[in-house]
PDB file of N, CA and C in Angstrom:
ATOM      1  N   MET A   1      89.828  99.984 121.310  1.00  0.00           N
ATOM      2  CA  MET A   1      90.648 100.717 122.222  1.00  0.00           C
ATOM      3  C   MET A   1      89.732 101.567 123.087  1.00  0.00           C
ATOM      4  N   VAL A   2      89.947 101.560 124.378  1.00  0.00           N
ATOM      5  CA  VAL A   2      89.132 102.327 125.309  1.00  0.00           C
ATOM      6  C   VAL A   2      89.980 103.447 125.882  1.00  0.00           C
ATOM      7  N   VAL A   3      89.436 104.662 125.873  1.00  0.00           N
ATOM      8  CA  VAL A   3      90.120 105.825 126.413  1.00  0.00           C
ATOM      9  C   VAL A   3      89.239 106.428 127.492  1.00  0.00           C
ATOM     10  N   GLU A   4      89.786 106.619 128.670  1.00  0.00           N
ATOM     11  CA  GLU A   4      89.035 107.222 129.758  1.00  0.00           C
ATOM     12  C   GLU A   4      89.504 108.653 129.957  1.00  0.00           C
ATOM     13  N   VAL A   5      88.554 109.571 130.063  1.00  0.00           N
ATOM     14  CA  VAL A   5      88.867 110.973 130.295  1.00  0.00           C
ATOM     15  C   VAL A   5      87.995 111.488 131.424  1.00  0.00           C
ATOM     16  N   GLU A   6      88.443 112.583 132.027  1.00  0.00           N
ATOM     17  CA  GLU A   6      87.650 113.195 133.083  1.00  0.00           C
ATOM     18  C   GLU A   6      86.440 113.886 132.465  1.00  0.00           C
ATOM     19  N   LYS A   7      85.349 113.970 133.236  1.00  0.00           N
ATOM     20  CA  LYS A   7      84.155 114.641 132.734  1.00  0.00           C
ATOM     21  C   LYS A   7      84.405 116.150 132.692  1.00  0.00           C
ATOM     22  N   PRO A   8      84.231 116.775 131.512  1.00  0.00           N
ATOM     23  CA  PRO A   8      84.404 118.225 131.433  1.00  0.00           C
ATOM     24  C   PRO A   8      83.167 118.931 132.001  1.00  0.00           C
ATOM     25  N   PRO A   9      83.308 120.187 132.364  1.00  0.00           N
ATOM     26  CA  PRO A   9      82.133 120.909 132.849  1.00  0.00           C
ATOM     27  C   PRO A   9      81.094 121.056 131.738  1.00  0.00           C
ATOM     28  N   ILE A  10      79.824 120.963 132.088  1.00  0.00           N
ATOM     29  CA  ILE A  10      78.742 121.040 131.101  1.00  0.00           C
ATOM     30  C   ILE A  10      78.580 122.482 130.646  1.00  0.00           C
ATOM     31  N   ARG A  11      78.644 122.668 129.331  1.00  0.00           N
ATOM     32  CA  ARG A  11      78.448 124.001 128.744  1.00  0.00           C
ATOM     33  C   ARG A  11      77.439 123.884 127.624  1.00  0.00           C
ATOM     34  N   GLY A  12      76.432 124.697 127.635  1.00  0.00           N
ATOM     35  CA  GLY A  12      75.512 124.792 126.508  1.00  0.00           C
ATOM     36  C   GLY A  12      74.516 123.661 126.364  1.00  0.00           C
ATOM     37  N   GLY A  13      74.278 122.894 127.366  1.00  0.00           N
ATOM     38  CA  GLY A  13      73.266 121.858 127.256  1.00  0.00           C
ATOM     39  C   GLY A  13      73.803 120.479 127.577  1.00  0.00           C
ATOM     40  N   ASN A  14      72.906 119.510 127.468  1.00  0.00           N
ATOM     41  CA  ASN A  14      73.307 118.150 127.828  1.00  0.00           C
ATOM     42  C   ASN A  14      73.058 117.155 126.699  1.00  0.00           C
ATOM     43  N   LYS A  15      72.995 117.628 125.450  1.00  0.00           N
ATOM     44  CA  LYS A  15      72.812 116.718 124.316  1.00  0.00           C
ATOM     45  C   LYS A  15      74.142 116.038 123.994  1.00  0.00           C
ATOM     46  N   PRO A  16      74.112 114.734 123.706  1.00  0.00           N
ATOM     47  CA  PRO A  16      75.362 114.017 123.416  1.00  0.00           C
ATOM     48  C   PRO A  16      75.885 114.322 122.004  1.00  0.00           C
ATOM     49  N   LEU A  17      77.194 114.251 121.859  1.00  0.00           N
ATOM     50  CA  LEU A  17      77.874 114.396 120.579  1.00  0.00           C
ATOM     51  C   LEU A  17      78.651 113.105 120.341  1.00  0.00           C
ATOM     52  N   TYR A  18      78.442 112.493 119.189  1.00  0.00           N
ATOM     53  CA  TYR A  18      79.090 111.224 118.865  1.00  0.00           C
ATOM     54  C   TYR A  18      80.135 111.445 117.779  1.00  0.00           C
ATOM     55  N   ILE A  19      81.321 110.873 117.983  1.00  0.00           N
ATOM     56  CA  ILE A  19      82.407 110.951 117.005  1.00  0.00           C
ATOM     57  C   ILE A  19      82.921 109.538 116.761  1.00  0.00           C
ATOM     58  N   ASP A  20      82.965 109.139 115.486  1.00  0.00           N
ATOM     59  CA  ASP A  20      83.495 107.836 115.100  1.00  0.00           C
ATOM     60  C   ASP A  20      84.753 108.066 114.277  1.00  0.00           C
ATOM     61  N   LEU A  21      85.888 107.554 114.733  1.00  0.00           N
ATOM     62  CA  LEU A  21      87.156 107.710 114.018  1.00  0.00           C
ATOM     63  C   LEU A  21      87.447 106.449 113.215  1.00  0.00           C
ATOM     64  N   GLY A  22      87.970 106.632 112.015  1.00  0.00           N
ATOM     65  CA  GLY A  22      88.257 105.488 111.169  1.00  0.00           C
ATOM     66  C   GLY A  22      89.411 105.761 110.231  1.00  0.00           C
ATOM     67  N   VAL A  23      89.573 104.904 109.235  1.00  0.00           N
ATOM     68  CA  VAL A  23      90.662 105.039 108.269  1.00  0.00           C
ATOM     69  C   VAL A  23      90.143 105.651 106.975  1.00  0.00           C
ATOM     70  N   ARG A  24      89.174 105.011 106.346  1.00  0.00           N
ATOM     71  CA  ARG A  24      88.626 105.549 105.090  1.00  0.00           C
ATOM     72  C   ARG A  24      87.825 106.807 105.328  1.00  0.00           C
ATOM     73  N   CYS A  25      87.041 106.809 106.363  1.00  0.00           N
ATOM     74  CA  CYS A  25      86.283 107.989 106.764  1.00  0.00           C
ATOM     75  C   CYS A  25      86.948 108.451 108.066  1.00  0.00           C
ATOM     76  N   LEU A  26      87.784 109.502 107.993  1.00  0.00           N
ATOM     77  CA  LEU A  26      88.605 109.886 109.139  1.00  0.00           C
ATOM     78  C   LEU A  26      87.776 110.162 110.383  1.00  0.00           C
ATOM     79  N   ALA A  27      86.681 110.896 110.227  1.00  0.00           N
ATOM     80  CA  ALA A  27      85.822 111.194 111.372  1.00  0.00           C
ATOM     81  C   ALA A  27      84.389 111.366 110.892  1.00  0.00           C
ATOM     82  N   THR A  28      83.470 110.809 111.662  1.00  0.00           N
ATOM     83  CA  THR A  28      82.049 111.010 111.426  1.00  0.00           C
ATOM     84  C   THR A  28      81.482 111.598 112.709  1.00  0.00           C
ATOM     85  N   ILE A  29      80.812 112.731 112.587  1.00  0.00           N
ATOM     86  CA  ILE A  29      80.310 113.454 113.752  1.00  0.00           C
ATOM     87  C   ILE A  29      78.802 113.545 113.664  1.00  0.00           C
ATOM     88  N   TRP A  30      78.142 113.262 114.789  1.00  0.00           N
ATOM     89  CA  TRP A  30      76.685 113.346 114.832  1.00  0.00           C
ATOM     90  C   TRP A  30      76.268 113.942 116.166  1.00  0.00           C
ATOM     91  N   HIS A  31      75.345 114.886 116.102  1.00  0.00           N
ATOM     92  CA  HIS A  31      74.789 115.541 117.281  1.00  0.00           C
ATOM     93  C   HIS A  31      73.298 115.254 117.300  1.00  0.00           C
ATOM     94  N   GLU A  32      72.717 115.205 118.464  1.00  0.00           N
ATOM     95  CA  GLU A  32      71.314 114.823 118.591  1.00  0.00           C
ATOM     96  C   GLU A  32      70.373 115.707 117.780  1.00  0.00           C
ATOM     97  N   GLY A  33      70.689 116.963 117.590  1.00  0.00           N
ATOM     98  CA  GLY A  33      69.814 117.871 116.855  1.00  0.00           C
ATOM     99  C   GLY A  33      70.024 117.861 115.349  1.00  0.00           C
ATOM    100  N   MET A  34      71.005 117.134 114.855  1.00  0.00           N
ATOM    101  CA  MET A  34      71.327 117.135 113.423  1.00  0.00           C
ATOM    102  C   MET A  34      70.465 116.134 112.667  1.00  0.00           C
ATOM    103  N   LYS A  35      70.136 116.456 111.410  1.00  0.00           N
ATOM    104  CA  LYS A  35      69.357 115.533 110.579  1.00  0.00           C
ATOM    105  C   LYS A  35      70.228 114.411 110.022  1.00  0.00           C
ATOM    106  N   GLN A  36      71.475 114.734 109.659  1.00  0.00           N
ATOM    107  CA  GLN A  36      72.385 113.701 109.164  1.00  0.00           C
ATOM    108  C   GLN A  36      73.796 114.009 109.652  1.00  0.00           C
ATOM    109  N   PRO A  37      74.639 112.987 109.791  1.00  0.00           N
ATOM    110  CA  PRO A  37      75.987 113.196 110.329  1.00  0.00           C
ATOM    111  C   PRO A  37      76.913 113.902 109.337  1.00  0.00           C
ATOM    112  N   ILE A  38      77.989 114.467 109.868  1.00  0.00           N
ATOM    113  CA  ILE A  38      79.036 115.087 109.054  1.00  0.00           C
ATOM    114  C   ILE A  38      80.174 114.076 108.964  1.00  0.00           C
ATOM    115  N   ALA A  39      80.639 113.790 107.752  1.00  0.00           N
ATOM    116  CA  ALA A  39      81.713 112.815 107.556  1.00  0.00           C
ATOM    117  C   ALA A  39      82.892 113.481 106.854  1.00  0.00           C
ATOM    118  N   PHE A  40      84.085 113.249 107.350  1.00  0.00           N
ATOM    119  CA  PHE A  40      85.313 113.743 106.746  1.00  0.00           C
ATOM    120  C   PHE A  40      86.016 112.562 106.097  1.00  0.00           C
ATOM    121  N   ARG A  41      86.114 112.587 104.778  1.00  0.00           N
ATOM    122  CA  ARG A  41      86.700 111.469 104.039  1.00  0.00           C
ATOM    123  C   ARG A  41      88.214 111.462 104.179  1.00  0.00           C
ATOM    124  N   GLY A  42      88.786 110.267 104.147  1.00  0.00           N
ATOM    125  CA  GLY A  42      90.224 110.131 104.296  1.00  0.00           C
ATOM    126  C   GLY A  42      90.868 109.348 103.178  1.00  0.00           C
ATOM    127  N   GLY A  43      90.157 109.110 102.076  1.00  0.00           N
ATOM    128  CA  GLY A  43      90.689 108.303 100.991  1.00  0.00           C
ATOM    129  C   GLY A  43      91.954 108.867 100.368  1.00  0.00           C
ATOM    130  N   GLU A  44      91.993 110.191 100.190  1.00  0.00           N
ATOM    131  CA  GLU A  44      93.172 110.824  99.590  1.00  0.00           C
ATOM    132  C   GLU A  44      94.386 110.657 100.504  1.00  0.00           C
ATOM    133  N   HIS A  45      94.182 110.806 101.805  1.00  0.00           N
ATOM    134  CA  HIS A  45      95.281 110.666 102.759  1.00  0.00           C
ATOM    135  C   HIS A  45      95.763 109.225 102.816  1.00  0.00           C
ATOM    136  N   LEU A  46      94.839 108.283 102.734  1.00  0.00           N
ATOM    137  CA  LEU A  46      95.203 106.871 102.733  1.00  0.00           C
ATOM    138  C   LEU A  46      96.012 106.528 101.485  1.00  0.00           C
ATOM    139  N   TRP A  47      95.614 107.079 100.333  1.00  0.00           N
ATOM    140  CA  TRP A  47      96.345 106.822  99.097  1.00  0.00           C
ATOM    141  C   TRP A  47      97.757 107.397  99.189  1.00  0.00           C
ATOM    142  N   ASP A  48      97.889 108.609  99.730  1.00  0.00           N
ATOM    143  CA  ASP A  48      99.222 109.211  99.896  1.00  0.00           C
ATOM    144  C   ASP A  48     100.097 108.359 100.799  1.00  0.00           C
ATOM    145  N   TRP A  49      99.518 107.855 101.871  1.00  0.00           N
ATOM    146  CA  TRP A  49     100.298 107.029 102.803  1.00  0.00           C
ATOM    147  C   TRP A  49     100.814 105.774 102.100  1.00  0.00           C
ATOM    148  N   TRP A  50      99.943 105.098 101.319  1.00  0.00           N
ATOM    149  CA  TRP A  50     100.365 103.896 100.587  1.00  0.00           C
ATOM    150  C   TRP A  50     101.449 104.230  99.572  1.00  0.00           C
ATOM    151  N   TYR A  51     101.286 105.346  98.855  1.00  0.00           N
ATOM    152  CA  TYR A  51     102.245 105.744  97.834  1.00  0.00           C
ATOM    153  C   TYR A  51     103.634 105.931  98.448  1.00  0.00           C
ATOM    154  N   TRP A  52     103.756 106.715  99.537  1.00  0.00           N
ATOM    155  CA  TRP A  52     105.054 106.998 100.133  1.00  0.00           C
ATOM    156  C   TRP A  52     105.627 105.773 100.830  1.00  0.00           C
ATOM    157  N   THR A  53     104.783 104.922 101.394  1.00  0.00           N
ATOM    158  CA  THR A  53     105.269 103.693 102.023  1.00  0.00           C
ATOM    159  C   THR A  53     105.929 102.797 100.989  1.00  0.00           C
ATOM    160  N   ARG A  54     105.306 102.672  99.819  1.00  0.00           N
ATOM    161  CA  ARG A  54     105.892 101.844  98.752  1.00  0.00           C
ATOM    162  C   ARG A  54     107.211 102.423  98.249  1.00  0.00           C
ATOM    163  N   LYS A  55     107.281 103.749  98.072  1.00  0.00           N
ATOM    164  CA  LYS A  55     108.520 104.369  97.599  1.00  0.00           C
ATOM    165  C   LYS A  55     109.654 104.158  98.600  1.00  0.00           C
ATOM    166  N   ILE A  56     109.354 104.295  99.892  1.00  0.00           N
ATOM    167  CA  ILE A  56     110.370 104.104 100.928  1.00  0.00           C
ATOM    168  C   ILE A  56     110.837 102.655 100.939  1.00  0.00           C
ATOM    169  N   ALA A  57     109.914 101.705 100.852  1.00  0.00           N
ATOM    170  CA  ALA A  57     110.283 100.281 100.845  1.00  0.00           C
ATOM    171  C   ALA A  57     111.141  99.937  99.637  1.00  0.00           C
ATOM    172  N   LYS A  58     110.811 100.509  98.492  1.00  0.00           N
ATOM    173  CA  LYS A  58     111.586 100.256  97.274  1.00  0.00           C
ATOM    174  C   LYS A  58     113.021 100.773  97.427  1.00  0.00           C
ATOM    175  N   GLU A  59     113.170 101.966  97.991  1.00  0.00           N
ATOM    176  CA  GLU A  59     114.499 102.534  98.200  1.00  0.00           C
ATOM    177  C   GLU A  59     115.282 101.727  99.229  1.00  0.00           C
ATOM    178  N   GLN A  60     114.627 101.267 100.294  1.00  0.00           N
ATOM    179  CA  GLN A  60     115.310 100.455 101.302  1.00  0.00           C
ATOM    180  C   GLN A  60     115.804  99.140 100.713  1.00  0.00           C
ATOM    181  N   SER A  61     115.002  98.518  99.866  1.00  0.00           N
ATOM    182  CA  SER A  61     115.441  97.255  99.264  1.00  0.00           C
ATOM    183  C   SER A  61     116.583  97.491  98.283  1.00  0.00           C
ATOM    184  N   ARG A  62     116.561  98.609  97.555  1.00  0.00           N
ATOM    185  CA  ARG A  62     117.660  98.935  96.645  1.00  0.00           C
ATOM    186  C   ARG A  62     118.956  99.134  97.425  1.00  0.00           C
ATOM    187  N   LEU A  63     118.878  99.861  98.548  1.00  0.00           N
ATOM    188  CA  LEU A  63     120.073 100.090  99.358  1.00  0.00           C
ATOM    189  C   LEU A  63     120.619  98.781  99.921  1.00  0.00           C
ATOM    190  N   ALA A  64     119.743  97.899 100.342  1.00  0.00           N
ATOM    191  CA  ALA A  64     120.185  96.619 100.905  1.00  0.00           C
ATOM    192  C   ALA A  64     120.871  95.754  99.847  1.00  0.00           C
ATOM    193  N   ARG A  65     120.390  95.820  98.604  1.00  0.00           N
ATOM    194  CA  ARG A  65     120.985  95.019  97.529  1.00  0.00           C
ATOM    195  C   ARG A  65     122.331  95.580  97.094  1.00  0.00           C
ATOM    196  N   VAL A  66     122.416  96.897  96.948  1.00  0.00           N
ATOM    197  CA  VAL A  66     123.600  97.517  96.355  1.00  0.00           C
ATOM    198  C   VAL A  66     124.797  97.448  97.285  1.00  0.00           C
ATOM    199  N   ASN A  67     124.713  98.049  98.455  1.00  0.00           N
ATOM    200  CA  ASN A  67     125.885  98.040  99.321  1.00  0.00           C
ATOM    201  C   ASN A  67     125.542  97.807 100.787  1.00  0.00           C
ATOM    202  N   LYS A  68     124.441  97.172 101.054  1.00  0.00           N
ATOM    203  CA  LYS A  68     124.053  96.722 102.387  1.00  0.00           C
ATOM    204  C   LYS A  68     124.115  97.814 103.441  1.00  0.00           C
ATOM    205  N   ILE A  69     123.686  98.998 103.059  1.00  0.00           N
ATOM    206  CA  ILE A  69     123.579 100.082 104.031  1.00  0.00           C
ATOM    207  C   ILE A  69     122.108 100.317 104.338  1.00  0.00           C
ATOM    208  N   ARG A  70     121.841 101.012 105.422  1.00  0.00           N
ATOM    209  CA  ARG A  70     120.460 101.184 105.855  1.00  0.00           C
ATOM    210  C   ARG A  70     119.904 102.580 105.605  1.00  0.00           C
ATOM    211  N   THR A  71     120.751 103.531 105.274  1.00  0.00           N
ATOM    212  CA  THR A  71     120.251 104.887 105.081  1.00  0.00           C
ATOM    213  C   THR A  71     121.014 105.595 103.963  1.00  0.00           C
ATOM    214  N   SER A  72     120.398 106.631 103.449  1.00  0.00           N
ATOM    215  CA  SER A  72     121.022 107.451 102.419  1.00  0.00           C
ATOM    216  C   SER A  72     120.330 108.810 102.414  1.00  0.00           C
ATOM    217  N   ARG A  73     120.879 109.724 101.656  1.00  0.00           N
ATOM    218  CA  ARG A  73     120.244 111.044 101.548  1.00  0.00           C
ATOM    219  C   ARG A  73     118.865 110.946 100.922  1.00  0.00           C
ATOM    220  N   LYS A  74     118.766 110.137  99.899  1.00  0.00           N
ATOM    221  CA  LYS A  74     117.470 109.988  99.211  1.00  0.00           C
ATOM    222  C   LYS A  74     116.418 109.418 100.162  1.00  0.00           C
ATOM    223  N   LEU A  75     116.801 108.425 100.948  1.00  0.00           N
ATOM    224  CA  LEU A  75     115.859 107.828 101.890  1.00  0.00           C
ATOM    225  C   LEU A  75     115.427 108.841 102.946  1.00  0.00           C
ATOM    226  N   ARG A  76     116.365 109.648 103.439  1.00  0.00           N
ATOM    227  CA  ARG A  76     116.007 110.679 104.409  1.00  0.00           C
ATOM    228  C   ARG A  76     115.041 111.689 103.820  1.00  0.00           C
ATOM    229  N   LYS A  77     115.231 112.014 102.556  1.00  0.00           N
ATOM    230  CA  LYS A  77     114.319 112.960 101.894  1.00  0.00           C
ATOM    231  C   LYS A  77     112.919 112.379 101.741  1.00  0.00           C
ATOM    232  N   LEU A  78     112.836 111.057 101.484  1.00  0.00           N
ATOM    233  CA  LEU A  78     111.532 110.411 101.358  1.00  0.00           C
ATOM    234  C   LEU A  78     110.754 110.449 102.674  1.00  0.00           C
ATOM    235  N   TYR A  79     111.480 110.318 103.782  1.00  0.00           N
ATOM    236  CA  TYR A  79     110.818 110.399 105.082  1.00  0.00           C
ATOM    237  C   TYR A  79     110.372 111.818 105.335  1.00  0.00           C
TER     238      TYR A  79
END
């Protein structure tokens, strides 16, 4: 995915800052003066997302089997 932005005014120098966005490692940041990059892990957030997605899918399939409705109070609470 390519994102184009306007050039901001230069403040504090002209060294580049690199940011890599991902899923397992949410963000990795590296600056020219740094010895090693800073990484923000995202494994816990990914696990939470999978957990709640499965619970929601299970409730949706139960609702479809029981009385063919698409929503309930429990499902709204899960969201």
